[in-house]
């Protein structure tokens, strides 16, 4: 494979990875606030902003240091565990439901 083809494949992979990250943030933000039932949820905006920041920082570091990795990570591989996605979604769903129904207001602030 020539260097030009390698660079073109790398750019396509990075673009695919960036598109997936942007789509995931948009979908996640939409679901986050739709299930909460309101847009004035400061914690949700902070979480979405922090998530966006870490994805951007990760992208910069990966592209500068290991440019092939984002392209490789944009592909679904055999052997990916499904339980880690389930746990991550369960944590987020719990936070959204708590924001909607205010369960945590019964907890002591010192906890």
Protein backbone atom coordinates (compact mmCIF):
# COMPACT_ATOMS: atom_id res chain seq x y z
CA UNK A 1 0.00 0.00 0.00
CA UNK A 2 1.40 3.40 -0.88
CA UNK A 3 1.84 6.26 1.52
CA UNK A 4 -0.87 8.26 -0.26
CA UNK A 5 -3.36 5.39 0.15
CA UNK A 6 -2.38 4.94 3.79
CA UNK A 7 -2.87 8.65 4.51
CA UNK A 8 -6.20 8.67 2.67
CA UNK A 9 -7.41 5.64 4.63
CA UNK A 10 -6.23 7.25 7.85
CA UNK A 11 -8.11 10.48 7.09
CA UNK A 12 -11.27 8.53 6.21
CA UNK A 13 -11.01 6.54 9.42
CA UNK A 14 -10.51 9.67 11.51
CA UNK A 15 -13.46 11.35 9.79
CA UNK A 16 -15.63 8.27 10.42
CA UNK A 17 -14.55 8.21 14.07
CA UNK A 18 -15.24 11.94 14.49
CA UNK A 19 -18.67 11.53 12.90
CA UNK A 20 -19.49 8.68 15.26
CA UNK A 21 -18.41 10.71 18.30
CA UNK A 22 -20.45 13.76 17.23
CA UNK A 23 -23.51 11.62 16.47
CA UNK A 24 -23.16 9.85 19.82
CA UNK A 25 -23.00 13.19 21.67
CA UNK A 26 -26.06 14.55 19.85
CA UNK A 27 -28.07 11.37 20.42
CA UNK A 28 -26.91 11.08 24.03
CA UNK A 29 -27.75 14.73 24.75
CA UNK A 30 -31.16 14.38 23.13
CA UNK A 31 -32.01 11.24 25.09
CA UNK A 32 -30.54 12.73 28.27
CA UNK A 33 -32.80 15.77 28.25
CA UNK A 34 -35.88 14.11 26.76
CA UNK A 35 -35.96 11.49 29.51
CA UNK A 36 -35.32 14.13 32.16
CA UNK A 37 -38.24 16.14 30.83
CA UNK A 38 -36.50 19.51 31.03
CA UNK A 39 -33.64 21.51 29.55
CA UNK A 40 -32.78 23.46 32.71
CA UNK A 41 -30.86 20.57 34.28
CA UNK A 42 -27.46 22.04 35.16
CA UNK A 43 -25.94 18.70 36.11
CA UNK A 44 -26.94 17.24 32.75
CA UNK A 45 -25.34 20.13 30.86
CA UNK A 46 -22.20 19.82 32.99
CA UNK A 47 -22.04 16.08 32.27
CA UNK A 48 -22.57 16.58 28.54
CA UNK A 49 -19.96 19.36 28.46
CA UNK A 50 -17.42 17.29 30.37
CA UNK A 51 -18.09 14.32 28.10
CA UNK A 52 -17.58 16.54 25.02
CA UNK A 53 -14.38 18.00 26.45
CA UNK A 54 -12.87 14.59 27.18
CA UNK A 55 -13.77 13.32 23.72
CA UNK A 56 -12.14 16.34 22.07
CA UNK A 57 -9.04 16.02 24.24
CA UNK A 58 -8.86 12.30 23.52
CA UNK A 59 -9.19 12.96 19.79
CA UNK A 60 -6.36 15.49 19.80
CA UNK A 61 -4.02 13.21 21.73
CA UNK A 62 -4.84 10.13 19.67
CA UNK A 63 -4.55 11.85 16.31
CA UNK A 64 -1.23 13.47 17.18
CA UNK A 65 0.35 10.44 18.83
CA UNK A 66 -1.28 7.42 17.20
CA UNK A 67 -3.15 8.56 14.12
CA UNK A 68 -4.24 5.06 13.13
CA UNK A 69 -5.98 4.36 16.44
CA UNK A 70 -9.13 6.50 15.89
CA UNK A 71 -9.65 4.82 12.53
CA UNK A 72 -9.23 1.42 14.14
CA UNK A 73 -11.53 2.28 17.04
CA UNK A 74 -14.29 3.41 14.68
CA UNK A 75 -14.85 -0.20 13.60
CA UNK A 76 -16.88 -2.73 15.55
CA UNK A 77 -14.77 -5.74 16.42
CA UNK A 78 -15.67 -9.26 17.40
CA UNK A 79 -15.37 -9.89 21.11
CA UNK A 80 -16.71 -6.52 22.27
CA UNK A 81 -18.37 -7.01 25.63
CA UNK A 82 -22.01 -5.94 25.82
CA UNK A 83 -22.19 -5.81 29.63
CA UNK A 84 -20.02 -2.67 29.83
CA UNK A 85 -22.49 -0.78 27.65
CA UNK A 86 -25.40 -2.00 29.77
CA UNK A 87 -23.77 -0.80 33.00
CA UNK A 88 -22.90 2.60 31.51
CA UNK A 89 -26.46 3.09 30.27
CA UNK A 90 -27.92 1.97 33.61
CA UNK A 91 -25.88 4.60 35.48
CA UNK A 92 -26.99 7.36 33.13
CA UNK A 93 -30.64 6.26 33.19
CA UNK A 94 -30.58 6.26 37.00
CA UNK A 95 -29.21 9.82 37.04
CA UNK A 96 -31.87 11.01 34.58
CA UNK A 97 -34.73 9.43 36.48
CA UNK A 98 -33.34 10.90 39.71
CA UNK A 99 -33.25 14.35 38.08
CA UNK A 100 -36.86 13.96 37.02
CA UNK A 101 -38.27 12.62 40.29
CA UNK A 102 -35.83 14.14 42.78
CA UNK A 103 -34.93 10.99 44.69
CA UNK A 104 -31.56 12.34 45.80
CA UNK A 105 -33.12 15.29 47.62
CA UNK A 106 -33.86 12.84 50.44
CA UNK A 107 -30.16 12.09 50.91
CA UNK A 108 -28.05 13.99 53.37
CA UNK A 109 -25.76 16.55 51.69
CA UNK A 110 -22.79 15.26 53.69
CA UNK A 111 -22.92 11.84 52.03
